[in-house]
């Protein structure tokens, strides 16, 4: 393998054969070429592995790893440990990049000497039509504003795929994914925000996020989502405590808790869960210790919309009814 790669792009794969050609081709067709593509097959039962092996035969910059089905977090960790590039990016198997993505994000992170950089994205719905997106102005953030932005739902999104990270930064602080199969992105980004002294934002929408893959965990809401999310939130709290940040960011953290849990509850209301299943999911969240703790946070730190979301969660019947109308 070439040891002069600047970027290692990591794609975890689970039963994604119909989407892989578009995803892989979007990396191979980048205008910037010093890219290592790491494909991790996470125990696929379709022909994903044979498909990527065919790609590898024709492209020397492709590295393939294979493991039993342990989840996307474990797969991404294997990719990080195997990466030889100076920078790390993550791409989901059913998503794709714009051709100039790597050129511009690499240019910007080097110019600003940042530990990680965020860039804009487009969202495609289940009918493969562009539905929305977001982008940023060219700017930098310094600590402690980095962590505040993340916790208060600012420009730092709790997803890993719209970012490029310095590998030396990830290695220095041993930033890795946890073994949760849900919201593993959140804890990874939280770690990056805790340790980063400077981050940057790059103008342009370079990532295309789709909802096409049935096997993607973002397409299904189950009680396991709530249990895993609560586990991640508790890990985030312990991370803040262990590094001496919790006292200063306590209220911001609980705003983050309410943001994430109410969003998950609203998503559950719009899913195909039966009412009893949905009510059980809501109870998992509302009876958790971290939800109770969040109620003690200073309400002056909550905006009106977030307060309303918090209150509505105590009326699962109404949420489920309006969720079904939305789903139809």
Protein backbone atom coordinates (compact mmCIF):
# COMPACT_ATOMS: atom_id res chain seq x y z
CA UNK A 1 0.00 0.00 0.00
CA UNK A 2 1.12 3.56 -0.77
CA UNK A 3 2.22 5.28 2.45
CA UNK A 4 1.77 8.77 0.97
CA UNK A 5 -2.01 8.87 1.24
CA UNK A 6 -3.28 12.12 2.69
CA UNK A 7 -6.85 10.93 3.37
CA UNK A 8 -8.20 7.57 4.48
CA UNK A 9 -11.92 7.23 3.78
CA UNK A 10 -13.62 4.53 5.86
CA UNK A 11 -16.82 2.81 4.70
CA UNK A 12 -18.48 0.22 6.98
CA UNK A 13 -20.61 -2.20 4.97
CA UNK A 14 -23.56 -4.36 5.92
CA UNK A 15 -25.80 -5.74 3.16
CA UNK A 16 -25.34 -2.64 1.03
CA UNK A 17 -24.59 -4.16 -2.39
CA UNK A 18 -27.21 -2.11 -4.32
CA UNK A 19 -25.70 1.16 -3.10
CA UNK A 20 -21.97 0.39 -3.01
CA UNK A 21 -21.08 1.19 -6.65
CA UNK A 22 -22.33 4.77 -6.34
CA UNK A 23 -20.64 5.22 -2.96
CA UNK A 24 -17.29 3.70 -3.99
CA UNK A 25 -17.26 5.44 -7.37
CA UNK A 26 -17.79 8.79 -5.64
CA UNK A 27 -14.48 8.20 -3.82
CA UNK A 28 -12.59 6.86 -6.82
CA UNK A 29 -13.77 9.79 -8.95
CA UNK A 30 -12.55 12.48 -6.57
CA UNK A 31 -10.54 15.24 -8.24
CA UNK A 32 -8.00 14.77 -5.44
CA UNK A 33 -6.32 11.37 -5.77
CA UNK A 34 -4.10 10.71 -2.72
CA UNK A 35 -6.91 8.77 -1.07
CA UNK A 36 -6.89 5.40 0.66
CA UNK A 37 -10.30 3.72 0.63
CA UNK A 38 -10.90 1.29 3.51
CA UNK A 39 -13.93 -0.98 3.13
CA UNK A 40 -14.99 -2.98 6.20
CA UNK A 41 -17.48 -5.77 5.59
CA UNK A 42 -19.46 -6.21 8.82
CA UNK A 43 -20.72 -9.74 8.25
CA UNK A 44 -22.85 -9.04 5.18
CA UNK A 45 -25.06 -11.86 3.96
CA UNK A 46 -25.53 -10.44 0.47
CA UNK A 47 -22.85 -10.10 -2.23
CA UNK A 48 -21.29 -6.93 -0.76
CA UNK A 49 -17.95 -8.59 -0.03
CA UNK A 50 -17.54 -10.10 -3.50
CA UNK A 51 -18.51 -6.77 -5.05
CA UNK A 52 -15.82 -4.82 -3.17
CA UNK A 53 -13.24 -7.49 -3.97
CA UNK A 54 -13.94 -6.88 -7.64
CA UNK A 55 -13.29 -3.18 -7.08
CA UNK A 56 -10.05 -3.98 -5.25
CA UNK A 57 -8.71 -5.93 -8.22
CA UNK A 58 -8.85 -2.76 -10.30
CA UNK A 59 -7.86 -0.18 -7.68
CA UNK A 60 -4.65 -0.40 -5.67
CA UNK A 61 -5.80 2.23 -3.18
CA UNK A 62 -8.59 -0.01 -1.82
CA UNK A 63 -8.07 -1.97 1.39
CA UNK A 64 -10.67 -4.54 2.51
CA UNK A 65 -11.27 -5.71 6.07
CA UNK A 66 -13.82 -8.34 7.04
CA UNK A 67 -15.38 -9.12 10.43
CA UNK A 68 -18.39 -10.81 11.97
CA UNK A 69 -21.40 -8.55 12.44
CA UNK A 70 -20.32 -6.37 15.39
CA UNK A 71 -21.88 -3.10 14.28
CA UNK A 72 -20.76 0.06 12.54
CA UNK A 73 -18.78 1.41 15.51
CA UNK A 74 -16.53 -1.63 15.73
CA UNK A 75 -16.12 -1.60 11.95
CA UNK A 76 -15.10 2.06 11.91
CA UNK A 77 -12.61 1.48 14.73
CA UNK A 78 -10.99 -1.27 12.67
CA UNK A 79 -10.80 1.19 9.79
CA UNK A 80 -9.15 3.87 11.94
CA UNK A 81 -6.59 1.39 13.26
CA UNK A 82 -5.76 0.30 9.72
CA UNK A 83 -5.62 3.77 8.16
CA UNK A 84 -2.34 5.15 6.84
CA UNK A 85 -3.62 8.58 5.75
CA UNK A 86 -2.87 11.76 7.67
CA UNK A 87 -6.59 12.54 7.79
CA UNK A 88 -9.66 10.40 8.34
CA UNK A 89 -13.12 10.67 6.78
CA UNK A 90 -16.19 8.46 7.15
CA UNK A 91 -18.66 7.60 4.42
CA UNK A 92 -21.80 5.49 4.85
CA UNK A 93 -22.26 2.73 2.30
CA UNK A 94 -25.50 4.19 0.92
CA UNK A 95 -24.20 7.77 0.70
CA UNK A 96 -21.88 9.49 -1.79
CA UNK A 97 -19.48 12.43 -2.07
CA UNK A 98 -19.33 15.33 -4.47
CA UNK A 99 -16.28 15.09 -6.79
CA UNK A 100 -14.37 18.02 -5.23
CA UNK A 101 -15.11 17.09 -1.61
CA UNK A 102 -11.65 15.83 -0.67
CA UNK A 103 -9.79 18.62 -2.44
CA UNK A 104 -11.61 21.39 -0.59
CA UNK A 105 -11.88 19.86 2.86
CA UNK A 106 -8.22 18.87 2.85
CA UNK A 107 -7.22 22.34 1.64
CA UNK A 108 -9.23 23.99 4.42
CA UNK A 109 -8.18 21.79 7.33
CA UNK A 110 -4.51 22.21 6.39
CA UNK A 111 -4.85 25.97 5.88
CA UNK A 112 -6.49 26.41 9.28
CA UNK A 113 -4.36 23.80 11.10
CA UNK A 114 -7.50 22.41 12.74
CA UNK A 115 -8.03 19.14 14.55
CA UNK A 116 -11.22 18.50 12.65
CA UNK A 117 -13.37 20.29 10.10
CA UNK A 118 -17.10 20.18 9.28
CA UNK A 119 -18.69 20.66 5.86
CA UNK A 120 -22.21 20.84 4.43
CA UNK A 121 -24.45 18.07 3.16
CA UNK A 122 -27.53 17.30 1.09
CA UNK A 123 -30.31 14.99 2.25
CA UNK A 124 -32.15 12.65 -0.09
CA UNK A 125 -35.47 11.06 0.91
CA UNK A 126 -36.58 7.46 0.43
CA UNK A 127 -37.68 8.32 -3.11
CA UNK A 128 -34.11 9.44 -3.85
CA UNK A 129 -35.15 13.06 -4.24
CA UNK A 130 -33.24 15.98 -2.74
CA UNK A 131 -35.26 17.10 0.27
CA UNK A 132 -33.04 19.43 2.31
CA UNK A 133 -29.47 20.24 3.32
CA UNK A 134 -27.18 22.51 5.27
CA UNK A 135 -23.91 24.37 4.79
CA UNK A 136 -21.54 26.62 6.69
CA UNK A 137 -19.65 29.85 6.34
CA UNK A 138 -15.87 29.74 6.38
CA UNK A 139 -15.00 30.10 10.08
CA UNK A 140 -13.08 28.63 13.04
CA UNK A 141 -14.09 27.77 16.61
CA UNK A 142 -11.75 27.62 19.58
CA UNK A 143 -12.17 25.74 22.87
CA UNK A 144 -14.36 25.97 24.97
CA UNK A 145 -16.79 27.19 22.28
CA UNK A 146 -16.30 23.91 20.42
CA UNK A 147 -17.93 21.86 23.18
CA UNK A 148 -20.64 24.48 23.76
CA UNK A 149 -21.58 24.39 20.08
CA UNK A 150 -21.97 20.63 20.16
CA UNK A 151 -23.99 20.46 23.39
CA UNK A 152 -26.30 23.33 22.50
CA UNK A 153 -27.13 22.02 19.05
CA UNK A 154 -25.02 24.54 17.17
CA UNK A 155 -23.12 24.01 13.92
CA UNK A 156 -21.33 20.87 15.13
CA UNK A 157 -23.65 18.03 14.16
CA UNK A 158 -23.59 14.76 16.14
CA UNK A 159 -22.71 12.76 13.03
CA UNK A 160 -19.23 11.75 11.90
CA UNK A 161 -19.76 11.73 8.16
CA UNK A 162 -19.71 15.48 7.46
CA UNK A 163 -16.25 15.91 8.94
CA UNK A 164 -12.56 15.29 8.30
CA UNK A 165 -10.30 14.53 11.28
CA UNK A 166 -6.57 14.71 11.85
CA UNK A 167 -5.47 11.12 12.46
CA UNK A 168 -2.75 12.28 14.85
CA UNK A 169 -5.46 14.07 16.88
CA UNK A 170 -7.60 10.91 17.05
CA UNK A 171 -4.55 8.86 18.03
CA UNK A 172 -3.27 11.31 20.65
CA UNK A 173 -6.52 11.18 22.62
CA UNK A 174 -7.51 7.63 21.62
CA UNK A 175 -10.80 8.84 20.17
CA UNK A 176 -12.77 5.81 19.09
CA UNK A 177 -16.36 4.62 18.69
CA UNK A 178 -18.10 2.78 21.49
CA UNK A 179 -19.71 -0.61 20.86
CA UNK A 180 -23.29 0.76 20.85
CA UNK A 181 -25.14 0.02 17.61
CA UNK A 182 -27.13 3.26 17.91
CA UNK A 183 -25.85 6.86 18.29
CA UNK A 184 -22.25 5.70 18.21
CA UNK A 185 -21.57 8.86 16.17
CA UNK A 186 -22.63 11.07 19.06
CA UNK A 187 -20.05 9.78 21.53
CA UNK A 188 -17.26 9.96 18.94
CA UNK A 189 -18.06 13.58 18.09
CA UNK A 190 -18.38 14.43 21.80
CA UNK A 191 -14.86 13.10 22.43
CA UNK A 192 -13.52 15.16 19.54
CA UNK A 193 -15.21 18.29 20.91
CA UNK A 194 -13.87 17.70 24.43
CA UNK A 195 -10.26 17.50 23.27
CA UNK A 196 -10.18 19.85 20.26
CA UNK A 197 -8.52 23.22 20.70
CA UNK A 198 -9.50 24.46 17.24
CA UNK A 199 -11.96 23.31 14.59
CA UNK A 200 -13.00 24.74 11.25
CA UNK A 201 -16.00 24.92 8.94
CA UNK A 202 -15.77 24.72 5.18
CA UNK A 203 -18.30 26.29 2.78
CA UNK A 204 -20.06 23.96 0.35
CA UNK A 205 -22.29 20.88 0.41
CA UNK A 206 -19.94 17.99 -0.31
CA UNK A 207 -21.72 15.03 1.32
CA UNK A 208 -24.92 13.40 0.07
CA UNK A 209 -26.88 11.52 2.73
CA UNK A 210 -29.61 9.11 1.63
CA UNK A 211 -32.30 7.02 3.35
CA UNK A 212 -32.33 4.22 0.79
CA UNK A 213 -30.81 1.29 2.69
CA UNK A 214 -33.39 -0.76 4.62
CA UNK A 215 -30.63 -2.20 6.83
CA UNK A 216 -29.46 1.25 7.97
CA UNK A 217 -30.16 1.75 11.68
CA UNK A 218 -31.35 5.28 10.94
CA UNK A 219 -34.37 3.82 9.15
CA UNK A 220 -35.73 1.89 12.15
CA UNK A 221 -36.78 2.97 15.64
CA UNK A 222 -36.93 0.22 18.28
CA UNK A 223 -36.70 0.02 22.09
CA UNK A 224 -33.03 -0.81 21.53
CA UNK A 225 -32.54 2.69 20.13
CA UNK A 226 -33.72 4.23 23.38
CA UNK A 227 -31.65 1.91 25.57
CA UNK A 228 -28.52 2.50 23.49
CA UNK A 229 -29.08 6.25 23.40
CA UNK A 230 -29.37 6.38 27.19
CA UNK A 231 -26.16 4.35 27.43
CA UNK A 232 -24.37 6.81 25.14
CA UNK A 233 -25.66 9.81 27.10
CA UNK A 234 -24.36 8.32 30.33
CA UNK A 235 -20.99 7.69 28.69
CA UNK A 236 -20.91 11.32 27.56
CA UNK A 237 -21.68 12.48 31.11
CA UNK A 238 -18.86 10.33 32.50
CA UNK A 239 -16.51 11.72 29.85
CA UNK A 240 -17.28 15.28 30.94
CA UNK A 241 -16.87 14.38 34.61
CA UNK A 242 -13.59 12.53 34.12
CA UNK A 243 -12.01 15.50 32.33
CA UNK A 244 -13.36 18.14 34.70
CA UNK A 245 -15.85 19.74 32.30
CA UNK A 246 -19.16 18.66 33.81
CA UNK A 247 -19.60 21.43 36.41
CA UNK A 248 -19.08 24.16 33.80
CA UNK A 249 -21.19 22.51 31.08
CA UNK A 250 -23.87 20.92 33.28
CA UNK A 251 -26.87 22.86 31.97
CA UNK A 252 -25.62 22.68 28.38
CA UNK A 253 -25.28 18.92 28.74
CA UNK A 254 -28.85 18.50 29.96
CA UNK A 255 -30.12 20.63 27.08
CA UNK A 256 -28.26 18.17 24.85
CA UNK A 257 -29.98 15.28 26.68
CA UNK A 258 -33.45 16.74 26.17
CA UNK A 259 -32.68 17.59 22.54
CA UNK A 260 -31.59 14.04 21.75
CA UNK A 261 -34.27 12.15 23.71
CA UNK A 262 -37.18 14.29 22.54
CA UNK A 263 -35.98 13.98 18.96
CA UNK A 264 -35.84 10.20 19.34
CA UNK A 265 -39.34 10.13 20.86
CA UNK A 266 -40.72 12.25 18.01
CA UNK A 267 -39.01 9.96 15.48
CA UNK A 268 -40.60 6.97 17.20
CA UNK A 269 -44.02 8.60 16.91
CA UNK A 270 -43.52 8.92 13.15
CA UNK A 271 -42.26 5.35 12.71
CA UNK A 272 -44.29 2.20 12.11
CA UNK A 273 -44.43 1.25 15.79
CA UNK A 274 -47.76 0.20 17.24
CA UNK A 275 -48.99 2.43 20.04
CA UNK A 276 -48.14 -0.02 22.85
CA UNK A 277 -44.63 -0.39 21.43
CA UNK A 278 -44.23 3.37 21.14
CA UNK A 279 -45.52 3.94 24.67
CA UNK A 280 -43.00 1.39 25.97
CA UNK A 281 -40.21 3.26 24.17
CA UNK A 282 -41.31 6.58 25.66
CA UNK A 283 -41.37 5.04 29.14
CA UNK A 284 -37.80 3.81 28.70
CA UNK A 285 -36.73 7.42 28.15
CA UNK A 286 -38.94 9.14 30.72
CA UNK A 287 -38.15 6.70 33.52
CA UNK A 288 -34.39 6.96 33.04
CA UNK A 289 -32.16 8.61 35.63
CA UNK A 290 -30.69 11.01 33.09
CA UNK A 291 -34.16 12.30 32.09
CA UNK A 292 -34.93 12.92 35.77
CA UNK A 293 -31.63 14.74 36.18
CA UNK A 294 -32.38 16.92 33.17
CA UNK A 295 -35.60 18.15 34.81
CA UNK A 296 -33.47 19.81 37.49
CA UNK A 297 -31.51 21.85 34.96
CA UNK A 298 -32.18 25.59 35.02
CA UNK A 299 -35.20 26.14 32.78
CA UNK A 300 -33.87 29.55 31.81
CA UNK A 301 -31.36 27.69 29.64
CA UNK A 302 -34.12 25.97 27.66
CA UNK A 303 -35.70 27.79 24.74
CA UNK A 304 -39.49 27.72 24.40
CA UNK A 305 -39.53 25.11 21.64
CA UNK A 306 -37.38 22.70 23.64
CA UNK A 307 -39.56 23.17 26.72
CA UNK A 308 -42.62 22.38 24.59
CA UNK A 309 -40.98 19.27 23.19
CA UNK A 310 -40.14 18.17 26.73
CA UNK A 311 -43.76 18.62 27.88
CA UNK A 312 -45.27 16.87 24.85
CA UNK A 313 -43.33 13.71 25.63
CA UNK A 314 -45.61 13.20 28.64
CA UNK A 315 -48.53 12.77 26.22
CA UNK A 316 -47.47 9.80 24.05
CA UNK A 317 -51.02 9.23 22.78
CA UNK A 318 -51.20 12.66 21.19
CA UNK A 319 -47.68 12.33 19.76
CA UNK A 320 -48.44 8.92 18.29
CA UNK A 321 -51.68 10.18 16.71
CA UNK A 322 -50.01 13.13 14.99
CA UNK A 323 -47.07 10.92 14.11
CA UNK A 324 -49.33 8.52 12.25
CA UNK A 325 -50.85 11.42 10.30
CA UNK A 326 -47.33 12.51 9.34
CA UNK A 327 -46.29 8.97 8.41
CA UNK A 328 -49.26 8.57 6.08
